[in-house]
Amino acid sequence: MTTAKPEKISADTVKLIESMVRRCMNELKKKQYELGINKADVDYAVKVTRVVRRATGGATYAGANSIQINLGYWQHRSEKAYHEEYESFDKDPVIGGVVTYNMNDNLLMSVAHEVAHHVQRRKCRTIARFSKTHRKPHGDCFKWVYRQLRATIVNPAVEESRKAWVQANTVKMPVTIHAKSELFAVLSKKMDKRRMPSRIKNEWLQCQSLAKGKRVTAELLGHIIGALDEANRSLFYKSQLQIVGKRSVTKKRYLAGRRIKKQLTALAV
């Protein structure tokens, strides 16, 4: 039996990660951080950076004389996903876990994390204000260094990726369904009864109204169209049961709902 050879790591991938290391180190080199990092430190960090691809073992890690990024790390994914951080600070609004949108986001987050460890082990041990905190792997020293990189480099990059993802994976509502309208009330009841993935249900729960121009995912749009069809049927039957004076109002809402459904369906094609 023969086993497939592991995929070779391209020179471009290595250069990309090295450039991320250099960018993070150059940020921390700024005088405002008072870390005593110079050009030689930046070059050294790049020099000791190693890129590997291993399914097991050979974790992504860093120390005073090493930075290793494992492309096989389970969080290095190309699709939209939640990139976890250590449980002790995963909920932190700056250095905690975050939704990422592509491989570059995930690699940059890992590089920043490991560069923070590298600086913690190599530079912070000689700085008085970190004398009591630099030894703890994910203590206050590490968090402080990592926070600078997340705030200035990683988080803004992820936000740009989020904007690009939204543009590529959502559509704009062509019309408004007013939150206080009977149509929206009936639509909401139908949506609440639909079976939807949790991420789509959460997206819907954030829709206090459906205003023209509001961006929704294509998947949510499909559920809205289905629920709107059910809502229109309910309004139609209600209009048939009402007395003539009130029927005209409900029928107008039914016809408006039918028109909106047609517009949304055209958008989904």
C-alpha atoms as a PDB file:
ATOM      1  CA  MET A   1       0.000   0.000   0.000  1.00  0.00           C
ATOM      2  CA  THR A   2       1.262   3.458  -0.862  1.00  0.00           C
ATOM      3  CA  THR A   3       0.454   6.619   1.020  1.00  0.00           C
ATOM      4  CA  ALA A   4       0.069   9.994  -0.597  1.00  0.00           C
ATOM      5  CA  LYS A   5       2.934  12.371  -0.095  1.00  0.00           C
ATOM      6  CA  PRO A   6       2.085  15.463   1.928  1.00  0.00           C
ATOM      7  CA  GLU A   7       1.332  18.497  -0.195  1.00  0.00           C
ATOM      8  CA  LYS A   8       4.408  20.632  -0.708  1.00  0.00           C
ATOM      9  CA  ILE A   9       4.335  24.074   0.882  1.00  0.00           C
ATOM     10  CA  SER A  10       4.700  26.728  -1.776  1.00  0.00           C
ATOM     11  CA  ALA A  11       7.323  29.445  -1.593  1.00  0.00           C
ATOM     12  CA  ASP A  12       4.523  32.007  -1.873  1.00  0.00           C
ATOM     13  CA  THR A  13       2.873  30.657   1.275  1.00  0.00           C
ATOM     14  CA  VAL A  14       6.143  30.836   3.189  1.00  0.00           C
ATOM     15  CA  LYS A  15       6.722  34.407   1.981  1.00  0.00           C
ATOM     16  CA  LEU A  16       3.183  35.354   2.974  1.00  0.00           C
ATOM     17  CA  ILE A  17       3.642  34.113   6.538  1.00  0.00           C
ATOM     18  CA  GLU A  18       7.077  35.681   6.824  1.00  0.00           C
ATOM     19  CA  SER A  19       5.607  38.987   5.674  1.00  0.00           C
ATOM     20  CA  MET A  20       2.934  38.671   8.377  1.00  0.00           C
ATOM     21  CA  VAL A  21       5.618  38.046  11.003  1.00  0.00           C
ATOM     22  CA  ARG A  22       7.590  41.060   9.778  1.00  0.00           C
ATOM     23  CA  ARG A  23       4.494  43.249   9.793  1.00  0.00           C
ATOM     24  CA  CYS A  24       3.623  42.268  13.374  1.00  0.00           C
ATOM     25  CA  MET A  25       7.181  42.795  14.579  1.00  0.00           C
ATOM     26  CA  ASN A  26       7.436  46.165  12.830  1.00  0.00           C
ATOM     27  CA  GLU A  27       4.257  47.247  14.580  1.00  0.00           C
ATOM     28  CA  LEU A  28       5.658  46.277  17.976  1.00  0.00           C
ATOM     29  CA  LYS A  29       8.941  48.019  17.105  1.00  0.00           C
ATOM     30  CA  LYS A  30       7.191  51.397  17.344  1.00  0.00           C
ATOM     31  CA  LYS A  31       8.424  53.570  20.210  1.00  0.00           C
ATOM     32  CA  GLN A  32       4.966  53.913  21.719  1.00  0.00           C
ATOM     33  CA  TYR A  33       5.062  50.290  22.913  1.00  0.00           C
ATOM     34  CA  GLU A  34       8.430  50.635  24.670  1.00  0.00           C
ATOM     35  CA  LEU A  35       9.436  47.025  23.976  1.00  0.00           C
ATOM     36  CA  GLY A  36      12.977  47.768  22.837  1.00  0.00           C
ATOM     37  CA  ILE A  37      12.503  45.976  19.529  1.00  0.00           C
ATOM     38  CA  ASN A  38      14.892  46.965  16.744  1.00  0.00           C
ATOM     39  CA  LYS A  39      15.472  45.960  13.124  1.00  0.00           C
ATOM     40  CA  ALA A  40      17.701  43.060  14.176  1.00  0.00           C
ATOM     41  CA  ASP A  41      14.861  41.701  16.329  1.00  0.00           C
ATOM     42  CA  VAL A  42      12.476  41.940  13.410  1.00  0.00           C
ATOM     43  CA  ASP A  43      14.881  40.137  11.084  1.00  0.00           C
ATOM     44  CA  TYR A  44      15.539  37.471  13.720  1.00  0.00           C
ATOM     45  CA  ALA A  45      11.823  36.760  14.149  1.00  0.00           C
ATOM     46  CA  VAL A  46      11.482  36.225  10.406  1.00  0.00           C
ATOM     47  CA  LYS A  47      14.644  34.077  10.342  1.00  0.00           C
ATOM     48  CA  VAL A  48      13.356  31.687  13.031  1.00  0.00           C
ATOM     49  CA  THR A  49       9.898  31.387  11.478  1.00  0.00           C
ATOM     50  CA  ARG A  50       9.136  27.889  10.193  1.00  0.00           C
ATOM     51  CA  VAL A  51       6.094  26.843   8.169  1.00  0.00           C
ATOM     52  CA  VAL A  52       4.974  23.210   8.348  1.00  0.00           C
ATOM     53  CA  ARG A  53       1.934  21.150   7.405  1.00  0.00           C
ATOM     54  CA  ARG A  54       1.154  18.381   9.867  1.00  0.00           C
ATOM     55  CA  ALA A  55      -2.159  16.715  10.636  1.00  0.00           C
ATOM     56  CA  THR A  56      -0.938  15.595  14.054  1.00  0.00           C
ATOM     57  CA  GLY A  57       1.874  16.923  16.215  1.00  0.00           C
ATOM     58  CA  GLY A  58       4.057  19.847  15.275  1.00  0.00           C
ATOM     59  CA  ALA A  59       1.673  22.402  16.693  1.00  0.00           C
ATOM     60  CA  THR A  60       1.608  26.088  15.941  1.00  0.00           C
ATOM     61  CA  TYR A  61       3.762  27.617  18.697  1.00  0.00           C
ATOM     62  CA  ALA A  62       6.479  30.145  19.485  1.00  0.00           C
ATOM     63  CA  GLY A  63       9.274  30.781  21.953  1.00  0.00           C
ATOM     64  CA  ALA A  64      12.250  33.084  22.348  1.00  0.00           C
ATOM     65  CA  ASN A  65      14.060  31.427  19.435  1.00  0.00           C
ATOM     66  CA  SER A  66      11.263  29.991  17.329  1.00  0.00           C
ATOM     67  CA  ILE A  67       7.973  30.710  15.599  1.00  0.00           C
ATOM     68  CA  GLN A  68       6.211  27.790  13.967  1.00  0.00           C
ATOM     69  CA  ILE A  69       3.015  28.017  11.934  1.00  0.00           C
ATOM     70  CA  ASN A  70       1.322  24.730  11.086  1.00  0.00           C
ATOM     71  CA  LEU A  71      -0.828  24.977   7.964  1.00  0.00           C
ATOM     72  CA  GLY A  72      -2.554  21.772   9.075  1.00  0.00           C
ATOM     73  CA  TYR A  73      -3.894  23.417  12.243  1.00  0.00           C
ATOM     74  CA  TRP A  74      -7.644  22.796  12.354  1.00  0.00           C
ATOM     75  CA  GLN A  75      -8.463  26.501  12.609  1.00  0.00           C
ATOM     76  CA  HIS A  76      -6.637  27.325   9.391  1.00  0.00           C
ATOM     77  CA  ARG A  77      -9.740  27.192   7.200  1.00  0.00           C
ATOM     78  CA  SER A  78     -10.647  28.905   3.952  1.00  0.00           C
ATOM     79  CA  GLU A  79     -14.339  29.372   4.646  1.00  0.00           C
ATOM     80  CA  LYS A  80     -16.248  31.575   7.068  1.00  0.00           C
ATOM     81  CA  ALA A  81     -15.952  30.147  10.584  1.00  0.00           C
ATOM     82  CA  TYR A  82     -15.397  31.085  14.201  1.00  0.00           C
ATOM     83  CA  HIS A  83     -11.699  31.216  15.092  1.00  0.00           C
ATOM     84  CA  GLU A  84     -11.479  30.261  18.751  1.00  0.00           C
ATOM     85  CA  GLU A  85      -9.049  31.648  21.276  1.00  0.00           C
ATOM     86  CA  TYR A  86      -8.092  30.208  24.645  1.00  0.00           C
ATOM     87  CA  GLU A  87     -11.091  29.873  26.930  1.00  0.00           C
ATOM     88  CA  SER A  88      -9.717  32.345  29.473  1.00  0.00           C
ATOM     89  CA  PHE A  89      -9.968  35.216  26.973  1.00  0.00           C
ATOM     90  CA  ASP A  90     -12.129  33.881  24.133  1.00  0.00           C
ATOM     91  CA  LYS A  91     -14.898  36.365  25.015  1.00  0.00           C
ATOM     92  CA  ASP A  92     -12.593  39.376  25.192  1.00  0.00           C
ATOM     93  CA  PRO A  93     -13.875  41.973  22.678  1.00  0.00           C
ATOM     94  CA  VAL A  94     -10.366  42.697  21.361  1.00  0.00           C
ATOM     95  CA  ILE A  95      -8.267  39.530  21.731  1.00  0.00           C
ATOM     96  CA  GLY A  96     -11.022  36.938  21.926  1.00  0.00           C
ATOM     97  CA  GLY A  97     -12.345  34.576  19.295  1.00  0.00           C
ATOM     98  CA  VAL A  98     -13.762  36.109  16.150  1.00  0.00           C
ATOM     99  CA  VAL A  99     -15.525  35.077  12.966  1.00  0.00           C
ATOM    100  CA  THR A 100     -12.994  34.874  10.147  1.00  0.00           C
ATOM    101  CA  TYR A 101     -13.727  34.717   6.437  1.00  0.00           C
ATOM    102  CA  ASN A 102     -10.731  33.234   4.655  1.00  0.00           C
ATOM    103  CA  MET A 103      -7.378  31.514   5.114  1.00  0.00           C
ATOM    104  CA  ASN A 104      -5.451  34.791   5.322  1.00  0.00           C
ATOM    105  CA  ASP A 105      -7.564  35.926   8.275  1.00  0.00           C
ATOM    106  CA  ASN A 106      -6.825  32.691  10.113  1.00  0.00           C
ATOM    107  CA  LEU A 107      -3.117  32.704   9.326  1.00  0.00           C
ATOM    108  CA  LEU A 108      -2.772  36.346  10.359  1.00  0.00           C
ATOM    109  CA  MET A 109      -4.525  35.639  13.652  1.00  0.00           C
ATOM    110  CA  SER A 110      -2.232  32.675  14.350  1.00  0.00           C
ATOM    111  CA  VAL A 111       0.877  34.642  13.372  1.00  0.00           C
ATOM    112  CA  ALA A 112      -0.077  37.551  15.647  1.00  0.00           C
ATOM    113  CA  HIS A 113      -0.709  35.136  18.522  1.00  0.00           C
ATOM    114  CA  GLU A 114       2.665  33.440  18.076  1.00  0.00           C
ATOM    115  CA  VAL A 115       4.579  36.676  17.517  1.00  0.00           C
ATOM    116  CA  ALA A 116       3.124  37.876  20.817  1.00  0.00           C
ATOM    117  CA  HIS A 117       4.540  34.747  22.468  1.00  0.00           C
ATOM    118  CA  HIS A 118       7.895  35.260  20.758  1.00  0.00           C
ATOM    119  CA  VAL A 119       8.130  38.856  22.013  1.00  0.00           C
ATOM    120  CA  GLN A 120       6.894  37.796  25.446  1.00  0.00           C
ATOM    121  CA  ARG A 121       9.666  35.209  25.758  1.00  0.00           C
ATOM    122  CA  ARG A 122      12.468  37.109  24.025  1.00  0.00           C
ATOM    123  CA  LYS A 123      11.944  40.763  24.974  1.00  0.00           C
ATOM    124  CA  CYS A 124       9.469  41.143  27.841  1.00  0.00           C
ATOM    125  CA  ARG A 125      11.561  39.170  30.305  1.00  0.00           C
ATOM    126  CA  THR A 126      14.028  42.082  30.327  1.00  0.00           C
ATOM    127  CA  ILE A 127      11.383  44.786  30.826  1.00  0.00           C
ATOM    128  CA  ALA A 128      10.630  45.821  34.395  1.00  0.00           C
ATOM    129  CA  ARG A 129       6.869  46.269  34.004  1.00  0.00           C
ATOM    130  CA  PHE A 130       6.551  42.644  32.892  1.00  0.00           C
ATOM    131  CA  SER A 131       8.818  41.144  35.551  1.00  0.00           C
ATOM    132  CA  LYS A 132       5.958  39.423  37.339  1.00  0.00           C
ATOM    133  CA  THR A 133       3.822  38.499  34.332  1.00  0.00           C
ATOM    134  CA  HIS A 134       6.087  37.439  31.457  1.00  0.00           C
ATOM    135  CA  ARG A 135       6.373  33.798  32.587  1.00  0.00           C
ATOM    136  CA  LYS A 136       2.686  32.872  32.445  1.00  0.00           C
ATOM    137  CA  PRO A 137       1.926  31.550  28.923  1.00  0.00           C
ATOM    138  CA  HIS A 138      -1.323  33.448  28.480  1.00  0.00           C
ATOM    139  CA  GLY A 139      -1.044  35.910  31.328  1.00  0.00           C
ATOM    140  CA  ASP A 140      -1.196  39.683  31.400  1.00  0.00           C
ATOM    141  CA  CYS A 141       2.116  40.161  29.582  1.00  0.00           C
ATOM    142  CA  PHE A 142       1.109  38.014  26.613  1.00  0.00           C
ATOM    143  CA  LYS A 143      -2.361  39.550  26.508  1.00  0.00           C
ATOM    144  CA  TRP A 144      -0.958  43.074  26.461  1.00  0.00           C
ATOM    145  CA  VAL A 145       1.353  42.348  23.521  1.00  0.00           C
ATOM    146  CA  TYR A 146      -1.301  40.377  21.650  1.00  0.00           C
ATOM    147  CA  ARG A 147      -3.843  43.140  22.216  1.00  0.00           C
ATOM    148  CA  GLN A 148      -1.657  45.649  20.355  1.00  0.00           C
ATOM    149  CA  LEU A 149      -1.448  43.354  17.324  1.00  0.00           C
ATOM    150  CA  ARG A 150      -5.118  42.471  17.329  1.00  0.00           C
ATOM    151  CA  ALA A 151      -6.219  46.091  17.623  1.00  0.00           C
ATOM    152  CA  THR A 152      -3.903  47.500  14.946  1.00  0.00           C
ATOM    153  CA  ILE A 153      -3.467  44.664  12.436  1.00  0.00           C
ATOM    154  CA  VAL A 154      -5.661  41.595  12.828  1.00  0.00           C
ATOM    155  CA  ASN A 155      -9.064  42.999  13.736  1.00  0.00           C
ATOM    156  CA  PRO A 156      -9.060  45.704  11.028  1.00  0.00           C
ATOM    157  CA  ALA A 157      -8.063  43.059   8.434  1.00  0.00           C
ATOM    158  CA  VAL A 158     -10.865  40.736   9.554  1.00  0.00           C
ATOM    159  CA  GLU A 159     -13.334  43.633   9.406  1.00  0.00           C
ATOM    160  CA  GLU A 160     -12.321  44.322   5.793  1.00  0.00           C
ATOM    161  CA  SER A 161     -12.825  40.636   5.004  1.00  0.00           C
ATOM    162  CA  ARG A 162     -16.245  40.772   6.670  1.00  0.00           C
ATOM    163  CA  LYS A 163     -17.285  43.702   4.485  1.00  0.00           C
ATOM    164  CA  ALA A 164     -16.101  41.894   1.351  1.00  0.00           C
ATOM    165  CA  TRP A 165     -17.922  38.711   2.418  1.00  0.00           C
ATOM    166  CA  VAL A 166     -21.136  40.633   3.055  1.00  0.00           C
ATOM    167  CA  GLN A 167     -20.965  42.204  -0.403  1.00  0.00           C
ATOM    168  CA  ALA A 168     -20.350  38.845  -2.060  1.00  0.00           C
ATOM    169  CA  ASN A 169     -22.797  36.725  -0.069  1.00  0.00           C
ATOM    170  CA  THR A 170     -25.788  38.946   0.590  1.00  0.00           C
ATOM    171  CA  VAL A 171     -28.444  40.727  -1.414  1.00  0.00           C
ATOM    172  CA  LYS A 172     -30.251  44.006  -0.852  1.00  0.00           C
ATOM    173  CA  MET A 173     -33.946  44.065  -0.070  1.00  0.00           C
ATOM    174  CA  PRO A 174     -35.589  45.751  -3.093  1.00  0.00           C
ATOM    175  CA  VAL A 175     -38.622  46.890  -1.053  1.00  0.00           C
ATOM    176  CA  THR A 176     -39.588  47.659   2.538  1.00  0.00           C
ATOM    177  CA  ILE A 177     -41.817  45.468   4.680  1.00  0.00           C
ATOM    178  CA  HIS A 178     -42.665  47.781   7.549  1.00  0.00           C
ATOM    179  CA  ALA A 179     -42.183  46.415  11.055  1.00  0.00           C
ATOM    180  CA  LYS A 180     -45.612  47.624  12.213  1.00  0.00           C
ATOM    181  CA  SER A 181     -47.490  46.302   9.183  1.00  0.00           C
ATOM    182  CA  GLU A 182     -49.876  43.385   9.263  1.00  0.00           C
ATOM    183  CA  LEU A 183     -47.809  41.729   6.569  1.00  0.00           C
ATOM    184  CA  PHE A 184     -44.647  41.823   8.716  1.00  0.00           C
ATOM    185  CA  ALA A 185     -46.576  40.499  11.731  1.00  0.00           C
ATOM    186  CA  VAL A 186     -47.911  37.525   9.760  1.00  0.00           C
ATOM    187  CA  LEU A 187     -44.530  36.992   8.087  1.00  0.00           C
ATOM    188  CA  SER A 188     -42.837  36.919  11.516  1.00  0.00           C
ATOM    189  CA  LYS A 189     -45.231  34.238  12.766  1.00  0.00           C
ATOM    190  CA  LYS A 190     -44.521  32.100   9.714  1.00  0.00           C
ATOM    191  CA  MET A 191     -40.755  32.612  10.043  1.00  0.00           C
ATOM    192  CA  ASP A 192     -40.857  31.576  13.705  1.00  0.00           C
ATOM    193  CA  LYS A 193     -42.363  28.249  12.674  1.00  0.00           C
ATOM    194  CA  ARG A 194     -39.856  27.485   9.929  1.00  0.00           C
ATOM    195  CA  ARG A 195     -36.997  25.055  10.397  1.00  0.00           C
ATOM    196  CA  MET A 196     -33.812  27.014   9.817  1.00  0.00           C
ATOM    197  CA  PRO A 197     -30.135  26.516  10.722  1.00  0.00           C
ATOM    198  CA  SER A 198     -29.254  28.359  13.928  1.00  0.00           C
ATOM    199  CA  ARG A 199     -27.091  30.900  12.072  1.00  0.00           C
ATOM    200  CA  ILE A 200     -30.043  31.796   9.797  1.00  0.00           C
ATOM    201  CA  LYS A 201     -32.462  31.925  12.714  1.00  0.00           C
ATOM    202  CA  ASN A 202     -30.089  34.279  14.521  1.00  0.00           C
ATOM    203  CA  GLU A 203     -29.833  36.461  11.427  1.00  0.00           C
ATOM    204  CA  TRP A 204     -33.617  36.645  11.238  1.00  0.00           C
ATOM    205  CA  LEU A 205     -33.920  37.532  14.926  1.00  0.00           C
ATOM    206  CA  GLN A 206     -31.755  40.572  14.226  1.00  0.00           C
ATOM    207  CA  CYS A 207     -34.210  41.775  11.574  1.00  0.00           C
ATOM    208  CA  GLN A 208     -36.455  44.171  13.491  1.00  0.00           C
ATOM    209  CA  SER A 209     -37.811  45.214  10.110  1.00  0.00           C
ATOM    210  CA  LEU A 210     -37.057  44.585   6.453  1.00  0.00           C
ATOM    211  CA  ALA A 211     -36.121  47.943   5.001  1.00  0.00           C
ATOM    212  CA  LYS A 212     -35.298  48.613   1.376  1.00  0.00           C
ATOM    213  CA  GLY A 213     -31.535  48.272   0.939  1.00  0.00           C
ATOM    214  CA  LYS A 214     -31.078  46.031   3.989  1.00  0.00           C
ATOM    215  CA  ARG A 215     -28.631  43.247   3.205  1.00  0.00           C
ATOM    216  CA  VAL A 216     -29.622  39.665   3.996  1.00  0.00           C
ATOM    217  CA  THR A 217     -27.948  36.393   3.115  1.00  0.00           C
ATOM    218  CA  ALA A 218     -29.264  34.474   0.138  1.00  0.00           C
ATOM    219  CA  GLU A 219     -30.207  31.612   2.460  1.00  0.00           C
ATOM    220  CA  LEU A 220     -32.301  33.857   4.688  1.00  0.00           C
ATOM    221  CA  LEU A 221     -33.902  35.393   1.606  1.00  0.00           C
ATOM    222  CA  GLY A 222     -35.039  31.923   0.531  1.00  0.00           C
ATOM    223  CA  HIS A 223     -36.749  31.393   3.895  1.00  0.00           C
ATOM    224  CA  ILE A 224     -38.348  34.838   3.730  1.00  0.00           C
ATOM    225  CA  ILE A 225     -39.783  34.040   0.299  1.00  0.00           C
ATOM    226  CA  GLY A 226     -41.197  30.742   1.576  1.00  0.00           C
ATOM    227  CA  ALA A 227     -42.670  32.340   4.690  1.00  0.00           C
ATOM    228  CA  LEU A 228     -44.021  35.248   2.644  1.00  0.00           C
ATOM    229  CA  ASP A 229     -45.883  32.810   0.429  1.00  0.00           C
ATOM    230  CA  GLU A 230     -47.505  31.298   3.546  1.00  0.00           C
ATOM    231  CA  ALA A 231     -48.224  34.774   4.954  1.00  0.00           C
ATOM    232  CA  ASN A 232     -49.916  35.807   1.702  1.00  0.00           C
ATOM    233  CA  ARG A 233     -52.182  32.771   1.804  1.00  0.00           C
ATOM    234  CA  SER A 234     -53.163  33.638   5.378  1.00  0.00           C
ATOM    235  CA  LEU A 235     -53.961  37.217   4.398  1.00  0.00           C
ATOM    236  CA  PHE A 236     -55.948  36.038   1.391  1.00  0.00           C
ATOM    237  CA  TYR A 237     -58.130  33.683   3.454  1.00  0.00           C
ATOM    238  CA  LYS A 238     -58.582  36.369   6.085  1.00  0.00           C
ATOM    239  CA  SER A 239     -59.708  38.843   3.442  1.00  0.00           C
ATOM    240  CA  GLN A 240     -62.343  36.362   2.236  1.00  0.00           C
ATOM    241  CA  LEU A 241     -63.764  35.936   5.749  1.00  0.00           C
ATOM    242  CA  GLN A 242     -64.021  39.629   6.580  1.00  0.00           C
ATOM    243  CA  ILE A 243     -66.929  41.906   5.848  1.00  0.00           C
ATOM    244  CA  VAL A 244     -66.687  43.965   2.687  1.00  0.00           C
ATOM    245  CA  GLY A 245     -65.578  47.181   4.398  1.00  0.00           C
ATOM    246  CA  LYS A 246     -62.568  45.599   6.047  1.00  0.00           C
ATOM    247  CA  ARG A 247     -61.851  43.136   3.266  1.00  0.00           C
ATOM    248  CA  SER A 248     -60.522  45.828   0.967  1.00  0.00           C
ATOM    249  CA  VAL A 249     -57.786  46.764   3.474  1.00  0.00           C
ATOM    250  CA  THR A 250     -56.595  43.192   4.031  1.00  0.00           C
ATOM    251  CA  LYS A 251     -56.825  42.427   0.334  1.00  0.00           C
ATOM    252  CA  LYS A 252     -54.559  45.362  -0.424  1.00  0.00           C
ATOM    253  CA  ARG A 253     -52.031  43.935   2.045  1.00  0.00           C
ATOM    254  CA  TYR A 254     -52.351  40.535   0.418  1.00  0.00           C
ATOM    255  CA  LEU A 255     -51.768  42.010  -3.032  1.00  0.00           C
ATOM    256  CA  ALA A 256     -48.805  43.999  -1.717  1.00  0.00           C
ATOM    257  CA  GLY A 257     -47.367  40.830  -0.194  1.00  0.00           C
ATOM    258  CA  ARG A 258     -47.805  38.984  -3.462  1.00  0.00           C
ATOM    259  CA  ARG A 259     -46.043  41.785  -5.339  1.00  0.00           C
ATOM    260  CA  ILE A 260     -43.180  41.787  -2.830  1.00  0.00           C
ATOM    261  CA  LYS A 261     -42.819  38.019  -3.075  1.00  0.00           C
ATOM    262  CA  LYS A 262     -42.516  38.339  -6.856  1.00  0.00           C
ATOM    263  CA  GLN A 263     -39.761  40.955  -6.468  1.00  0.00           C
ATOM    264  CA  LEU A 264     -37.851  38.849  -3.931  1.00  0.00           C
ATOM    265  CA  THR A 265     -38.160  35.735  -6.070  1.00  0.00           C
ATOM    266  CA  ALA A 266     -36.692  37.607  -9.024  1.00  0.00           C
ATOM    267  CA  LEU A 267     -33.826  38.725  -6.784  1.00  0.00           C
ATOM    268  CA  ALA A 268     -33.117  35.159  -5.688  1.00  0.00           C
ATOM    269  CA  VAL A 269     -32.794  33.792  -9.208  1.00  0.00           C
END
